N, C-alpha and C. Protein backbone atom coordinates (compact mmCIF):
# COMPACT_ATOMS: atom_id res chain seq x y z
N MET A 1 30.40 -4.53 11.07
CA MET A 1 29.06 -4.13 11.43
C MET A 1 28.33 -5.36 11.95
N LYS A 2 27.77 -5.26 13.12
CA LYS A 2 27.08 -6.39 13.73
C LYS A 2 25.60 -6.36 13.41
N SER A 3 25.03 -7.55 13.28
CA SER A 3 23.60 -7.64 13.04
C SER A 3 22.85 -7.39 14.34
N ALA A 4 21.57 -7.16 14.21
CA ALA A 4 20.73 -6.96 15.39
C ALA A 4 20.77 -8.20 16.29
N TRP A 5 20.83 -9.36 15.67
CA TRP A 5 20.88 -10.61 16.41
C TRP A 5 22.15 -10.66 17.27
N GLU A 6 23.28 -10.31 16.67
CA GLU A 6 24.54 -10.34 17.40
C GLU A 6 24.55 -9.33 18.55
N LEU A 7 24.02 -8.14 18.30
CA LEU A 7 23.95 -7.12 19.34
C LEU A 7 23.07 -7.57 20.50
N ALA A 8 21.93 -8.18 20.18
CA ALA A 8 21.02 -8.66 21.23
C ALA A 8 21.69 -9.76 22.06
N LEU A 9 22.40 -10.65 21.40
CA LEU A 9 23.09 -11.71 22.14
C LEU A 9 24.18 -11.15 23.05
N GLU A 10 24.89 -10.15 22.56
CA GLU A 10 25.93 -9.54 23.40
C GLU A 10 25.33 -8.92 24.65
N ARG A 11 24.22 -8.21 24.47
CA ARG A 11 23.58 -7.56 25.62
C ARG A 11 23.08 -8.57 26.64
N SER A 12 22.61 -9.69 26.14
CA SER A 12 22.05 -10.70 27.05
C SER A 12 23.08 -11.70 27.54
N GLY A 13 24.31 -11.57 27.09
CA GLY A 13 25.34 -12.53 27.47
C GLY A 13 25.09 -13.88 26.85
N GLY A 14 24.47 -13.89 25.68
CA GLY A 14 24.03 -15.12 25.04
C GLY A 14 25.11 -15.90 24.33
N ALA A 15 24.68 -16.65 23.35
CA ALA A 15 25.51 -17.67 22.69
C ALA A 15 26.54 -17.12 21.72
N LEU A 16 26.66 -15.85 21.58
CA LEU A 16 27.63 -15.31 20.64
C LEU A 16 29.04 -15.79 20.97
N LYS A 17 29.32 -15.92 22.24
CA LYS A 17 30.65 -16.36 22.67
C LYS A 17 30.91 -17.81 22.28
N GLU A 18 29.87 -18.56 21.98
CA GLU A 18 30.02 -19.96 21.62
C GLU A 18 30.48 -20.15 20.18
N LEU A 19 30.46 -19.12 19.36
CA LEU A 19 30.88 -19.24 17.98
C LEU A 19 32.39 -19.43 17.91
N SER A 20 32.79 -20.34 17.07
CA SER A 20 34.22 -20.59 16.90
C SER A 20 34.84 -19.41 16.13
N PRO A 21 36.13 -19.25 16.24
CA PRO A 21 36.80 -18.20 15.47
C PRO A 21 36.58 -18.35 13.97
N GLU A 22 36.50 -19.60 13.50
CA GLU A 22 36.26 -19.83 12.08
C GLU A 22 34.88 -19.33 11.66
N LYS A 23 33.88 -19.60 12.50
CA LYS A 23 32.53 -19.13 12.19
C LYS A 23 32.46 -17.61 12.24
N LYS A 24 33.12 -17.04 13.22
CA LYS A 24 33.14 -15.57 13.32
C LYS A 24 33.77 -14.97 12.07
N GLU A 25 34.82 -15.60 11.56
CA GLU A 25 35.48 -15.10 10.35
C GLU A 25 34.57 -15.26 9.14
N ARG A 26 33.86 -16.38 9.07
CA ARG A 26 32.92 -16.58 7.96
C ARG A 26 31.81 -15.54 8.01
N LEU A 27 31.31 -15.25 9.21
CA LEU A 27 30.27 -14.22 9.34
C LEU A 27 30.80 -12.86 8.92
N ALA A 28 32.04 -12.56 9.31
CA ALA A 28 32.65 -11.29 8.92
C ALA A 28 32.83 -11.22 7.41
N GLU A 29 33.20 -12.32 6.78
CA GLU A 29 33.37 -12.35 5.32
C GLU A 29 32.03 -12.13 4.63
N ILE A 30 30.97 -12.71 5.15
CA ILE A 30 29.64 -12.49 4.60
C ILE A 30 29.28 -11.01 4.69
N ASP A 31 29.58 -10.39 5.83
CA ASP A 31 29.32 -8.95 5.98
C ASP A 31 30.12 -8.13 4.97
N ARG A 32 31.41 -8.47 4.82
CA ARG A 32 32.25 -7.72 3.88
C ARG A 32 31.73 -7.85 2.46
N ALA A 33 31.33 -9.04 2.07
CA ALA A 33 30.82 -9.25 0.71
C ALA A 33 29.53 -8.47 0.49
N ALA A 34 28.66 -8.47 1.48
CA ALA A 34 27.40 -7.73 1.35
C ALA A 34 27.66 -6.23 1.27
N GLN A 35 28.58 -5.73 2.07
CA GLN A 35 28.91 -4.30 2.04
C GLN A 35 29.48 -3.92 0.68
N ALA A 36 30.28 -4.81 0.09
CA ALA A 36 30.85 -4.54 -1.23
C ALA A 36 29.75 -4.48 -2.29
N LYS A 37 28.79 -5.40 -2.20
CA LYS A 37 27.67 -5.39 -3.15
C LYS A 37 26.84 -4.12 -3.01
N ILE A 38 26.59 -3.71 -1.77
CA ILE A 38 25.81 -2.49 -1.53
C ILE A 38 26.56 -1.28 -2.07
N ALA A 39 27.86 -1.21 -1.84
CA ALA A 39 28.66 -0.09 -2.34
C ALA A 39 28.64 -0.05 -3.86
N ALA A 40 28.73 -1.21 -4.50
CA ALA A 40 28.69 -1.26 -5.96
C ALA A 40 27.33 -0.81 -6.49
N ALA A 41 26.26 -1.22 -5.81
CA ALA A 41 24.92 -0.82 -6.23
C ALA A 41 24.74 0.70 -6.09
N LYS A 42 25.24 1.26 -4.99
CA LYS A 42 25.13 2.70 -4.79
C LYS A 42 25.94 3.46 -5.83
N LEU A 43 27.14 3.00 -6.12
CA LEU A 43 27.99 3.65 -7.11
C LEU A 43 27.33 3.63 -8.48
N SER A 44 26.80 2.48 -8.84
CA SER A 44 26.11 2.35 -10.13
C SER A 44 24.92 3.30 -10.20
N ALA A 45 24.16 3.37 -9.12
CA ALA A 45 22.99 4.26 -9.09
C ALA A 45 23.42 5.73 -9.20
N GLU A 46 24.49 6.09 -8.51
CA GLU A 46 24.99 7.48 -8.57
C GLU A 46 25.42 7.84 -9.99
N GLN A 47 26.07 6.90 -10.67
CA GLN A 47 26.51 7.16 -12.04
C GLN A 47 25.31 7.34 -12.97
N LYS A 48 24.29 6.53 -12.79
CA LYS A 48 23.08 6.66 -13.60
C LYS A 48 22.35 7.96 -13.28
N LEU A 49 22.31 8.32 -11.98
CA LEU A 49 21.63 9.56 -11.58
C LEU A 49 22.27 10.79 -12.21
N ALA A 50 23.57 10.74 -12.42
CA ALA A 50 24.28 11.88 -12.98
C ALA A 50 23.81 12.23 -14.39
N THR A 51 23.25 11.26 -15.09
CA THR A 51 22.81 11.50 -16.46
C THR A 51 21.30 11.67 -16.58
N MET A 52 20.57 11.46 -15.51
CA MET A 52 19.10 11.53 -15.56
C MET A 52 18.62 12.95 -15.28
N THR A 53 17.51 13.27 -15.94
CA THR A 53 16.93 14.59 -15.73
C THR A 53 15.45 14.52 -15.34
N GLU A 54 14.79 13.44 -15.68
CA GLU A 54 13.35 13.34 -15.41
C GLU A 54 13.12 12.82 -13.99
N ALA A 55 12.26 13.52 -13.28
CA ALA A 55 11.99 13.20 -11.88
C ALA A 55 11.44 11.78 -11.72
N GLU A 56 10.61 11.35 -12.66
CA GLU A 56 10.02 10.02 -12.56
C GLU A 56 11.10 8.93 -12.69
N GLU A 57 12.03 9.12 -13.62
CA GLU A 57 13.12 8.15 -13.77
C GLU A 57 14.01 8.12 -12.53
N ILE A 58 14.27 9.29 -11.97
CA ILE A 58 15.11 9.39 -10.77
C ILE A 58 14.44 8.66 -9.61
N ALA A 59 13.14 8.88 -9.45
CA ALA A 59 12.39 8.22 -8.37
C ALA A 59 12.40 6.71 -8.55
N MET A 60 12.25 6.24 -9.78
CA MET A 60 12.25 4.80 -10.04
C MET A 60 13.63 4.21 -9.73
N LEU A 61 14.69 4.92 -10.08
CA LEU A 61 16.04 4.45 -9.80
C LEU A 61 16.29 4.37 -8.30
N LYS A 62 15.87 5.39 -7.57
CA LYS A 62 16.06 5.40 -6.12
C LYS A 62 15.26 4.29 -5.46
N ASP A 63 14.04 4.07 -5.92
CA ASP A 63 13.22 2.98 -5.38
C ASP A 63 13.87 1.64 -5.67
N GLY A 64 14.40 1.49 -6.87
CA GLY A 64 15.08 0.25 -7.23
C GLY A 64 16.30 0.01 -6.37
N LEU A 65 17.03 1.07 -6.06
CA LEU A 65 18.21 0.95 -5.20
C LEU A 65 17.82 0.48 -3.81
N VAL A 66 16.76 1.03 -3.27
CA VAL A 66 16.29 0.62 -1.94
C VAL A 66 15.93 -0.86 -1.94
N VAL A 67 15.24 -1.31 -2.98
CA VAL A 67 14.86 -2.72 -3.08
C VAL A 67 16.10 -3.61 -3.20
N GLU A 68 17.05 -3.18 -4.01
CA GLU A 68 18.28 -3.97 -4.20
C GLU A 68 19.07 -4.08 -2.90
N ILE A 69 19.19 -2.98 -2.17
CA ILE A 69 19.91 -3.01 -0.90
C ILE A 69 19.20 -3.92 0.10
N ARG A 70 17.89 -3.82 0.16
CA ARG A 70 17.12 -4.67 1.07
C ARG A 70 17.33 -6.15 0.72
N SER A 71 17.34 -6.45 -0.57
CA SER A 71 17.56 -7.83 -1.02
C SER A 71 18.94 -8.34 -0.61
N ILE A 72 19.95 -7.51 -0.76
CA ILE A 72 21.31 -7.88 -0.38
C ILE A 72 21.38 -8.12 1.13
N GLU A 73 20.75 -7.26 1.90
CA GLU A 73 20.77 -7.42 3.36
C GLU A 73 20.03 -8.69 3.80
N GLU A 74 18.92 -9.00 3.15
CA GLU A 74 18.18 -10.21 3.49
C GLU A 74 19.00 -11.45 3.14
N GLU A 75 19.67 -11.41 1.98
CA GLU A 75 20.53 -12.53 1.59
C GLU A 75 21.66 -12.71 2.60
N ARG A 76 22.24 -11.60 3.03
CA ARG A 76 23.31 -11.65 4.02
C ARG A 76 22.83 -12.33 5.31
N GLU A 77 21.66 -11.96 5.79
CA GLU A 77 21.15 -12.56 7.02
C GLU A 77 20.84 -14.04 6.85
N ARG A 78 20.33 -14.44 5.67
CA ARG A 78 20.07 -15.87 5.43
C ARG A 78 21.38 -16.66 5.48
N LYS A 79 22.42 -16.13 4.84
CA LYS A 79 23.72 -16.81 4.83
C LYS A 79 24.29 -16.89 6.24
N LYS A 80 24.16 -15.83 7.01
CA LYS A 80 24.70 -15.82 8.36
C LYS A 80 23.93 -16.81 9.24
N GLU A 81 22.64 -16.93 9.07
CA GLU A 81 21.85 -17.88 9.84
C GLU A 81 22.28 -19.31 9.54
N ARG A 82 22.60 -19.59 8.26
CA ARG A 82 23.06 -20.93 7.90
C ARG A 82 24.39 -21.24 8.59
N VAL A 83 25.28 -20.26 8.64
CA VAL A 83 26.58 -20.46 9.31
C VAL A 83 26.35 -20.69 10.80
N ARG A 84 25.50 -19.90 11.41
CA ARG A 84 25.23 -20.05 12.86
C ARG A 84 24.59 -21.39 13.18
N ALA A 85 23.79 -21.92 12.26
CA ALA A 85 23.06 -23.16 12.51
C ALA A 85 23.93 -24.41 12.32
N GLU A 86 25.08 -24.24 11.69
CA GLU A 86 25.96 -25.40 11.48
C GLU A 86 26.46 -25.95 12.82
N ALA A 87 26.58 -27.25 12.86
CA ALA A 87 27.02 -27.90 14.09
C ALA A 87 28.49 -27.71 14.33
């Protein structure tokens, strides 16, 4: 899965091609790790939802999941920016 930054660079013919194969692999590994964290968070939330009955608890769990996913995605982008910025 490509980030918005990578897609924009591809469309503009930008610096994406300048990344070394090693950096591209590191970026892909960061994506894989983030996707695994997101999948684990979703699975955990689904398991908890299966036992919940109160609407307020369900809403709080879903809101928490959204926040957790957003946090994982932001962390992923910070890590990818550090890799891209390396000389």
